[in-house]
């Protein structure tokens, strides 16, 4: 893993990519048309209590846009908006290993049509991989940077059950072990702060566990309420209150303090269009959120890995 410089408070993905490729790299998110076993009836039909990809993924809001066209538009946007020269395609919406290997290969292979794509990231669930799928994904490591992004959210069984994740922490550990047998695949884990019933101690236990696992990357999200979800019903009934910004700020900083210092922080907040977002509205000011986290880390003279213990 490439190392961050000492003056940085946390290991930003943008810094990692710049060190890795020597230039600005932009991540292009796509919706490849996959479903999810937690929504189509294989596990359940309701999905996680907070889930609606219309709020998570831009391309899920664009009807029937071909995958290749999504990539073309994403690259064009990345060049103009961020002056990027290279790109990673992120298969984002729903569960992007939830199909037969030949279907997956057909979708993934589209990246080969673009000379400036240097990587592929695949968002999935820990209960939706097997040896054949991992072997397929591993085959791309010869030419591309490859990331598997596993949605975990919490290590706590009672939380996973309450939010209706439909998988266990043990299945997550099995997925990590199987993926690490393919030594060139990098692993990013998605975590949500502010889940119903979770105390600060529980959140920090999740951080400490990921630190012991020394995962390559982490995405940290605040739990947010999207219109039409089960979580919105809970909110309207007074059964759930989202984190205030100050609460999220403190939790995020403490979470970072317990992580392995070399874990790349791919995300530290979340995006959701105003038309879909119920609460918390502070999320809409993403740049201010990021700036405040950075400034507070400096004010407290703290940093990622400050309390990391390898045992």
Protein backbone atom coordinates (compact mmCIF):
# COMPACT_ATOMS: atom_id res chain seq x y z
CA UNK A 1 0.00 0.00 0.00
CA UNK A 2 1.32 3.43 -0.90
CA UNK A 3 1.82 5.61 2.16
CA UNK A 4 0.34 9.00 2.93
CA UNK A 5 2.57 11.92 3.81
CA UNK A 6 2.97 12.71 7.51
CA UNK A 7 1.24 16.11 7.41
CA UNK A 8 -2.08 14.65 6.27
CA UNK A 9 -4.71 13.92 8.89
CA UNK A 10 -6.23 10.99 7.03
CA UNK A 11 -5.32 8.96 3.98
CA UNK A 12 -7.40 10.37 1.15
CA UNK A 13 -8.25 8.27 -1.87
CA UNK A 14 -7.32 11.15 -4.17
CA UNK A 15 -3.81 11.16 -2.70
CA UNK A 16 -3.50 7.39 -3.06
CA UNK A 17 -4.54 7.56 -6.72
CA UNK A 18 -2.15 10.42 -7.45
CA UNK A 19 0.72 8.47 -5.92
CA UNK A 20 -0.34 5.28 -7.68
CA UNK A 21 -0.83 6.70 -11.17
CA UNK A 22 1.07 9.97 -11.14
CA UNK A 23 -1.92 12.06 -12.17
CA UNK A 24 -5.53 12.92 -11.34
CA UNK A 25 -7.79 9.85 -11.51
CA UNK A 26 -11.58 10.18 -11.52
CA UNK A 27 -14.00 7.47 -10.44
CA UNK A 28 -16.91 7.00 -12.87
CA UNK A 29 -20.00 5.50 -11.19
CA UNK A 30 -22.33 3.37 -13.31
CA UNK A 31 -25.56 1.42 -13.02
CA UNK A 32 -25.05 -1.84 -14.91
CA UNK A 33 -28.64 -2.99 -14.42
CA UNK A 34 -28.05 -5.52 -11.65
CA UNK A 35 -30.59 -6.37 -8.97
CA UNK A 36 -30.12 -7.35 -5.32
CA UNK A 37 -31.10 -10.59 -3.56
CA UNK A 38 -32.37 -8.51 -0.66
CA UNK A 39 -34.92 -6.84 -2.94
CA UNK A 40 -35.92 -9.44 -5.54
CA UNK A 41 -37.15 -12.08 -3.08
CA UNK A 42 -34.07 -14.29 -2.95
CA UNK A 43 -33.48 -13.07 0.62
CA UNK A 44 -36.30 -10.56 1.03
CA UNK A 45 -38.35 -8.14 -1.07
CA UNK A 46 -37.98 -5.11 1.17
CA UNK A 47 -34.23 -4.48 1.11
CA UNK A 48 -32.33 -2.56 3.77
CA UNK A 49 -34.46 -0.08 5.69
CA UNK A 50 -32.56 2.88 4.20
CA UNK A 51 -32.11 1.67 0.63
CA UNK A 52 -33.24 3.34 -2.58
CA UNK A 53 -30.62 3.67 -5.30
CA UNK A 54 -32.40 6.70 -6.74
CA UNK A 55 -30.89 8.52 -3.78
CA UNK A 56 -27.49 6.82 -4.01
CA UNK A 57 -26.69 6.59 -7.71
CA UNK A 58 -27.05 9.26 -10.39
CA UNK A 59 -27.21 6.71 -13.21
CA UNK A 60 -30.09 4.90 -11.51
CA UNK A 61 -32.09 8.07 -12.14
CA UNK A 62 -31.39 8.00 -15.89
CA UNK A 63 -33.78 5.52 -17.54
CA UNK A 64 -32.20 2.90 -19.81
CA UNK A 65 -28.89 4.65 -20.36
CA UNK A 66 -26.53 2.06 -21.94
CA UNK A 67 -23.52 1.15 -19.84
CA UNK A 68 -21.00 2.24 -22.47
CA UNK A 69 -22.71 5.62 -22.78
CA UNK A 70 -22.67 6.05 -18.99
CA UNK A 71 -18.92 5.49 -19.03
CA UNK A 72 -18.41 7.88 -21.96
CA UNK A 73 -20.37 10.61 -20.21
CA UNK A 74 -18.58 9.98 -16.92
CA UNK A 75 -15.16 10.23 -18.55
CA UNK A 76 -16.13 13.41 -20.38
CA UNK A 77 -17.40 14.94 -17.14
CA UNK A 78 -14.27 13.89 -15.25
CA UNK A 79 -12.02 15.46 -17.86
CA UNK A 80 -13.88 18.77 -17.89
CA UNK A 81 -14.79 19.10 -14.22
CA UNK A 82 -11.72 17.61 -12.52
CA UNK A 83 -9.06 17.71 -15.26
CA UNK A 84 -8.64 13.95 -14.81
CA UNK A 85 -6.47 11.99 -17.21
CA UNK A 86 -7.24 8.46 -16.04
CA UNK A 87 -10.39 6.75 -14.79
CA UNK A 88 -11.73 3.96 -12.60
CA UNK A 89 -15.16 2.58 -13.45
CA UNK A 90 -17.23 1.93 -10.33
CA UNK A 91 -20.05 -0.60 -10.73
CA UNK A 92 -22.14 1.03 -8.03
CA UNK A 93 -25.89 0.43 -8.12
CA UNK A 94 -27.23 -2.56 -6.17
CA UNK A 95 -25.24 -5.84 -6.17
CA UNK A 96 -22.71 -6.00 -8.99
CA UNK A 97 -21.75 -9.66 -8.65
CA UNK A 98 -25.36 -10.86 -8.58
CA UNK A 99 -25.44 -12.65 -11.94
CA UNK A 100 -23.86 -15.57 -13.73
CA UNK A 101 -20.15 -15.17 -14.53
CA UNK A 102 -20.74 -14.87 -18.29
CA UNK A 103 -23.15 -11.97 -17.70
CA UNK A 104 -20.71 -10.32 -15.33
CA UNK A 105 -17.87 -10.68 -17.82
CA UNK A 106 -19.91 -9.09 -20.59
CA UNK A 107 -20.62 -6.08 -18.37
CA UNK A 108 -17.11 -5.72 -16.94
CA UNK A 109 -15.42 -6.14 -20.32
CA UNK A 110 -16.88 -2.86 -21.55
CA UNK A 111 -14.05 -1.08 -19.71
CA UNK A 112 -11.66 -2.54 -22.29
CA UNK A 113 -13.12 -0.21 -24.90
CA UNK A 114 -11.56 2.81 -23.17
CA UNK A 115 -7.80 3.36 -23.22
CA UNK A 116 -7.76 5.77 -20.27
CA UNK A 117 -9.49 3.44 -17.83
CA UNK A 118 -6.93 2.15 -15.32
CA UNK A 119 -9.19 0.44 -12.82
CA UNK A 120 -12.46 -1.21 -11.95
CA UNK A 121 -14.34 -1.12 -8.65
CA UNK A 122 -17.20 -3.51 -7.94
CA UNK A 123 -19.78 -2.79 -5.27
CA UNK A 124 -21.39 -5.91 -3.85
CA UNK A 125 -22.59 -7.85 -0.81
CA UNK A 126 -20.40 -10.33 1.08
CA UNK A 127 -22.95 -13.10 0.43
CA UNK A 128 -22.83 -12.64 -3.36
CA UNK A 129 -19.38 -13.88 -4.29
CA UNK A 130 -17.95 -17.33 -4.89
CA UNK A 131 -14.72 -18.81 -6.23
CA UNK A 132 -15.78 -18.60 -9.88
CA UNK A 133 -16.78 -14.95 -9.60
CA UNK A 134 -13.63 -14.02 -7.71
CA UNK A 135 -11.51 -15.79 -10.33
CA UNK A 136 -13.21 -13.74 -13.03
CA UNK A 137 -12.65 -10.48 -11.16
CA UNK A 138 -9.06 -11.44 -10.41
CA UNK A 139 -8.42 -11.87 -14.14
CA UNK A 140 -8.68 -8.08 -14.56
CA UNK A 141 -5.79 -7.44 -12.16
CA UNK A 142 -3.26 -8.15 -14.90
CA UNK A 143 -4.20 -4.88 -16.62
CA UNK A 144 -6.23 -2.89 -14.11
CA UNK A 145 -6.35 -1.75 -10.51
CA UNK A 146 -9.20 -3.82 -9.05
CA UNK A 147 -11.25 -2.99 -5.95
CA UNK A 148 -13.97 -5.09 -4.37
CA UNK A 149 -16.30 -2.88 -2.34
CA UNK A 150 -18.21 -4.81 0.29
CA UNK A 151 -21.23 -3.30 2.01
CA UNK A 152 -20.91 -4.22 5.68
CA UNK A 153 -22.32 -1.15 7.52
CA UNK A 154 -21.72 -2.61 11.01
CA UNK A 155 -20.08 -5.63 12.62
CA UNK A 156 -22.94 -6.04 15.12
CA UNK A 157 -25.47 -8.85 14.51
CA UNK A 158 -28.36 -7.01 16.14
CA UNK A 159 -27.77 -3.99 13.90
CA UNK A 160 -27.51 -6.06 10.72
CA UNK A 161 -30.76 -7.80 11.61
CA UNK A 162 -32.56 -4.58 12.49
CA UNK A 163 -31.62 -2.82 9.25
CA UNK A 164 -32.51 -5.98 7.29
CA UNK A 165 -29.12 -6.43 5.66
CA UNK A 166 -29.81 -10.11 5.00
CA UNK A 167 -26.24 -11.26 5.64
CA UNK A 168 -24.10 -11.85 8.72
CA UNK A 169 -20.78 -10.53 9.93
CA UNK A 170 -19.44 -14.09 9.60
CA UNK A 171 -20.30 -14.05 5.89
CA UNK A 172 -18.39 -10.79 5.59
CA UNK A 173 -15.31 -12.37 7.18
CA UNK A 174 -15.59 -15.34 4.81
CA UNK A 175 -15.77 -12.95 1.83
CA UNK A 176 -12.69 -11.06 3.03
CA UNK A 177 -10.75 -14.30 3.44
CA UNK A 178 -11.74 -15.58 -0.01
CA UNK A 179 -10.94 -12.25 -1.67
CA UNK A 180 -7.53 -12.04 -0.04
CA UNK A 181 -6.59 -15.35 -1.57
CA UNK A 182 -6.59 -13.35 -4.83
CA UNK A 183 -3.65 -11.27 -3.72
CA UNK A 184 -4.00 -8.43 -6.23
CA UNK A 185 -7.63 -7.55 -5.48
CA UNK A 186 -7.96 -4.63 -3.07
CA UNK A 187 -10.80 -4.51 -0.54
CA UNK A 188 -12.89 -1.49 0.43
CA UNK A 189 -15.53 -1.77 3.18
CA UNK A 190 -18.63 0.42 3.45
CA UNK A 191 -19.63 1.56 6.94
CA UNK A 192 -22.62 3.64 8.09
CA UNK A 193 -22.54 5.86 11.17
CA UNK A 194 -25.77 6.67 12.99
CA UNK A 195 -27.50 3.33 12.57
CA UNK A 196 -30.54 2.79 14.84
CA UNK A 197 -29.56 1.55 18.29
CA UNK A 198 -25.81 1.86 17.78
CA UNK A 199 -23.82 3.48 20.59
CA UNK A 200 -20.46 5.19 20.16
CA UNK A 201 -18.83 2.14 21.71
CA UNK A 202 -20.42 -0.10 19.07
CA UNK A 203 -19.25 2.20 16.27
CA UNK A 204 -15.69 2.19 17.58
CA UNK A 205 -15.76 -1.60 17.87
CA UNK A 206 -16.47 -1.68 14.14
CA UNK A 207 -13.51 0.64 13.54
CA UNK A 208 -11.19 -1.49 15.69
CA UNK A 209 -12.27 -4.65 13.86
CA UNK A 210 -11.55 -3.13 10.45
CA UNK A 211 -8.21 -1.96 11.80
CA UNK A 212 -7.28 -5.51 12.84
CA UNK A 213 -8.33 -6.74 9.40
CA UNK A 214 -6.12 -4.05 7.80
CA UNK A 215 -8.57 -3.49 4.98
CA UNK A 216 -7.22 -1.53 2.02
CA UNK A 217 -10.02 1.03 1.98
CA UNK A 218 -13.05 2.26 3.89
CA UNK A 219 -16.05 4.36 2.93
CA UNK A 220 -17.73 6.15 5.85
CA UNK A 221 -21.32 7.34 5.36
CA UNK A 222 -23.83 9.07 7.62
CA UNK A 223 -27.16 7.27 7.73
CA UNK A 224 -29.57 9.46 5.81
CA UNK A 225 -33.28 9.19 5.26
CA UNK A 226 -34.42 8.79 1.66
CA UNK A 227 -38.02 9.37 0.68
CA UNK A 228 -40.12 6.23 0.36
CA UNK A 229 -37.94 3.99 2.53
CA UNK A 230 -38.75 2.08 5.70
CA UNK A 231 -36.41 4.46 7.51
CA UNK A 232 -38.60 7.39 6.49
CA UNK A 233 -41.59 5.64 8.06
CA UNK A 234 -39.61 5.19 11.27
CA UNK A 235 -38.59 8.84 11.22
CA UNK A 236 -42.18 10.04 10.75
CA UNK A 237 -43.27 7.84 13.68
CA UNK A 238 -40.57 9.30 15.90
CA UNK A 239 -38.70 5.99 16.05
CA UNK A 240 -35.45 7.28 14.56
CA UNK A 241 -33.50 10.53 14.77
CA UNK A 242 -30.60 11.16 12.38
CA UNK A 243 -27.27 12.34 13.70
CA UNK A 244 -26.74 16.04 14.11
CA UNK A 245 -23.69 17.27 12.26
CA UNK A 246 -21.69 17.74 15.47
CA UNK A 247 -22.46 14.13 16.42
CA UNK A 248 -21.37 12.85 13.02
CA UNK A 249 -18.23 14.98 13.17
CA UNK A 250 -17.18 13.54 16.53
CA UNK A 251 -18.00 9.95 15.56
CA UNK A 252 -16.13 10.21 12.26
CA UNK A 253 -13.01 11.61 13.89
CA UNK A 254 -12.98 8.93 16.57
CA UNK A 255 -13.63 6.25 13.94
CA UNK A 256 -10.61 7.48 11.98
CA UNK A 257 -8.45 7.48 15.11
CA UNK A 258 -8.92 3.72 15.55
CA UNK A 259 -8.38 2.67 11.93
CA UNK A 260 -5.19 1.21 10.53
CA UNK A 261 -3.13 4.23 9.33
CA UNK A 262 -2.65 2.74 5.86
CA UNK A 263 -6.33 2.19 5.12
CA UNK A 264 -7.34 4.52 2.30
CA UNK A 265 -10.41 6.62 3.12
CA UNK A 266 -12.40 6.53 -0.09
CA UNK A 267 -15.36 8.48 1.30
CA UNK A 268 -16.08 10.34 4.51
CA UNK A 269 -19.62 11.62 3.93
CA UNK A 270 -22.41 10.92 1.43
CA UNK A 271 -24.30 12.44 -1.49
CA UNK A 272 -28.06 12.56 -1.97
CA UNK A 273 -30.07 14.95 -4.16
CA UNK A 274 -32.34 17.33 -2.25
CA UNK A 275 -35.40 15.92 -4.03
CA UNK A 276 -34.84 12.51 -2.40
CA UNK A 277 -33.35 13.52 0.95
CA UNK A 278 -35.54 13.84 4.04
CA UNK A 279 -32.81 14.29 6.69
CA UNK A 280 -30.13 15.21 7.69
CA UNK A 281 -30.06 18.32 5.51
CA UNK A 282 -26.51 19.24 6.58
CA UNK A 283 -25.37 16.54 4.13
CA UNK A 284 -26.28 18.83 1.25
CA UNK A 285 -23.30 21.07 2.04
CA UNK A 286 -20.71 18.43 1.27
CA UNK A 287 -17.73 20.76 0.88
CA UNK A 288 -18.46 22.38 4.23
CA UNK A 289 -18.72 18.95 5.87
CA UNK A 290 -15.36 17.88 4.47
CA UNK A 291 -13.74 21.18 5.40
CA UNK A 292 -15.07 21.01 8.95
CA UNK A 293 -13.82 17.45 9.43
CA UNK A 294 -10.38 18.46 8.16
CA UNK A 295 -10.22 21.60 10.31
CA UNK A 296 -11.41 19.81 13.43
CA UNK A 297 -8.79 17.10 13.02
CA UNK A 298 -6.20 19.87 12.96
CA UNK A 299 -7.69 21.74 15.90
CA UNK A 300 -7.68 18.58 18.00
CA UNK A 301 -4.21 17.66 16.77
CA UNK A 302 -5.41 14.18 15.91
CA UNK A 303 -5.22 11.91 12.88
CA UNK A 304 -6.16 8.57 11.37
CA UNK A 305 -4.59 5.71 13.32
CA UNK A 306 -3.81 7.73 16.47
CA UNK A 307 -5.29 4.99 18.66
CA UNK A 308 -4.59 2.08 16.31
CA UNK A 309 -3.52 -1.11 18.04
CA UNK A 310 -2.46 -4.19 16.09
CA UNK A 311 -3.97 -6.63 18.57
